[in-house]
Amino acid sequence: MRKPSVFDWFLLIILVVTCGASFVAIKIAIIDIGPAWLAAFRLLIALALMLIFARLTNIRPPRGKKEWL
């Protein structure tokens, strides 16, 4: 196993801050928005990020019925 680099530690810190901040944001937002809308917003944000990633990496969605089954 290799020794973690500074970049690895940076990514770990970003991950911890992101995950920790989501719990705080949920606790605050659940009061004002409601659970269903909060889940919908989170899904829309995830969809947008995945579409951007797919576009940048030239990943194409399945076209035919065989590919989905």
C-alpha atoms as a PDB file:
ATOM      1  CA  MET A   1       0.000   0.000   0.000  1.00  0.00           C
ATOM      2  CA  ARG A   2       1.334   3.426  -0.889  1.00  0.00           C
ATOM      3  CA  LYS A   3       1.620   6.331   1.497  1.00  0.00           C
ATOM      4  CA  PRO A   4      -1.230   8.883   1.161  1.00  0.00           C
ATOM      5  CA  SER A   5      -0.213  12.048  -0.637  1.00  0.00           C
ATOM      6  CA  VAL A   6      -1.200  15.609   0.239  1.00  0.00           C
ATOM      7  CA  PHE A   7      -3.796  15.474  -2.531  1.00  0.00           C
ATOM      8  CA  ASP A   8      -5.299  12.320  -0.992  1.00  0.00           C
ATOM      9  CA  TRP A   9      -5.640  14.114   2.357  1.00  0.00           C
ATOM     10  CA  PHE A  10      -7.183  17.111   0.596  1.00  0.00           C
ATOM     11  CA  LEU A  11      -9.808  14.891  -1.060  1.00  0.00           C
ATOM     12  CA  LEU A  12     -10.556  13.221   2.272  1.00  0.00           C
ATOM     13  CA  ILE A  13     -11.081  16.597   3.953  1.00  0.00           C
ATOM     14  CA  ILE A  14     -13.399  17.706   1.126  1.00  0.00           C
ATOM     15  CA  LEU A  15     -15.384  14.479   1.535  1.00  0.00           C
ATOM     16  CA  VAL A  16     -15.697  14.881   5.309  1.00  0.00           C
ATOM     17  CA  VAL A  17     -16.773  18.527   5.034  1.00  0.00           C
ATOM     18  CA  THR A  18     -19.319  17.718   2.327  1.00  0.00           C
ATOM     19  CA  CYS A  19     -20.852  14.816   4.224  1.00  0.00           C
ATOM     20  CA  GLY A  20     -20.866  16.696   7.521  1.00  0.00           C
ATOM     21  CA  ALA A  21     -22.372  19.810   5.968  1.00  0.00           C
ATOM     22  CA  SER A  22     -25.202  17.816   4.419  1.00  0.00           C
ATOM     23  CA  PHE A  23     -26.446  16.736   7.852  1.00  0.00           C
ATOM     24  CA  VAL A  24     -26.436  20.324   9.082  1.00  0.00           C
ATOM     25  CA  ALA A  25     -28.166  21.531   5.909  1.00  0.00           C
ATOM     26  CA  ILE A  26     -30.834  18.843   6.217  1.00  0.00           C
ATOM     27  CA  LYS A  27     -31.498  19.756   9.840  1.00  0.00           C
ATOM     28  CA  ILE A  28     -31.982  23.421   8.912  1.00  0.00           C
ATOM     29  CA  ALA A  29     -33.878  22.845   5.656  1.00  0.00           C
ATOM     30  CA  ILE A  30     -36.312  20.252   6.999  1.00  0.00           C
ATOM     31  CA  ILE A  31     -37.934  22.980   9.098  1.00  0.00           C
ATOM     32  CA  ASP A  32     -38.559  25.329   6.162  1.00  0.00           C
ATOM     33  CA  ILE A  33     -38.978  23.072   3.140  1.00  0.00           C
ATOM     34  CA  GLY A  34     -40.285  19.670   4.166  1.00  0.00           C
ATOM     35  CA  PRO A  35     -38.879  16.191   3.610  1.00  0.00           C
ATOM     36  CA  ALA A  36     -40.384  15.462   0.182  1.00  0.00           C
ATOM     37  CA  TRP A  37     -39.195  18.724  -1.393  1.00  0.00           C
ATOM     38  CA  LEU A  38     -35.779  18.329   0.200  1.00  0.00           C
ATOM     39  CA  ALA A  39     -35.418  14.844  -1.294  1.00  0.00           C
ATOM     40  CA  ALA A  40     -36.555  16.149  -4.689  1.00  0.00           C
ATOM     41  CA  PHE A  41     -33.981  18.957  -4.629  1.00  0.00           C
ATOM     42  CA  ARG A  42     -31.216  16.547  -3.667  1.00  0.00           C
ATOM     43  CA  LEU A  43     -32.160  14.215  -6.522  1.00  0.00           C
ATOM     44  CA  LEU A  44     -32.238  17.099  -9.021  1.00  0.00           C
ATOM     45  CA  ILE A  45     -28.799  18.263  -7.916  1.00  0.00           C
ATOM     46  CA  ALA A  46     -27.447  14.701  -8.222  1.00  0.00           C
ATOM     47  CA  LEU A  47     -29.004  14.352 -11.687  1.00  0.00           C
ATOM     48  CA  ALA A  48     -27.455  17.618 -12.862  1.00  0.00           C
ATOM     49  CA  LEU A  49     -24.007  16.607 -11.590  1.00  0.00           C
ATOM     50  CA  MET A  50     -24.239  13.162 -13.204  1.00  0.00           C
ATOM     51  CA  LEU A  51     -25.311  14.662 -16.540  1.00  0.00           C
ATOM     52  CA  ILE A  52     -22.395  17.103 -16.451  1.00  0.00           C
ATOM     53  CA  PHE A  53     -20.006  14.244 -15.649  1.00  0.00           C
ATOM     54  CA  ALA A  54     -21.471  12.097 -18.434  1.00  0.00           C
ATOM     55  CA  ARG A  55     -21.132  14.953 -20.932  1.00  0.00           C
ATOM     56  CA  LEU A  56     -17.512  15.654 -19.936  1.00  0.00           C
ATOM     57  CA  THR A  57     -16.519  11.983 -20.196  1.00  0.00           C
ATOM     58  CA  ASN A  58     -18.553  11.288 -23.377  1.00  0.00           C
ATOM     59  CA  ILE A  59     -20.732   8.658 -21.719  1.00  0.00           C
ATOM     60  CA  ARG A  60     -23.864   8.084 -23.765  1.00  0.00           C
ATOM     61  CA  PRO A  61     -27.148   6.752 -22.334  1.00  0.00           C
ATOM     62  CA  PRO A  62     -28.426   3.384 -23.575  1.00  0.00           C
ATOM     63  CA  ARG A  63     -30.505   3.720 -26.744  1.00  0.00           C
ATOM     64  CA  GLY A  64     -32.319   0.442 -27.267  1.00  0.00           C
ATOM     65  CA  LYS A  65     -34.538  -1.876 -25.298  1.00  0.00           C
ATOM     66  CA  LYS A  66     -31.841  -4.581 -25.197  1.00  0.00           C
ATOM     67  CA  GLU A  67     -29.405  -2.278 -23.434  1.00  0.00           C
ATOM     68  CA  TRP A  68     -31.902  -1.439 -20.680  1.00  0.00           C
ATOM     69  CA  LEU A  69     -32.877  -5.055 -20.059  1.00  0.00           C
END
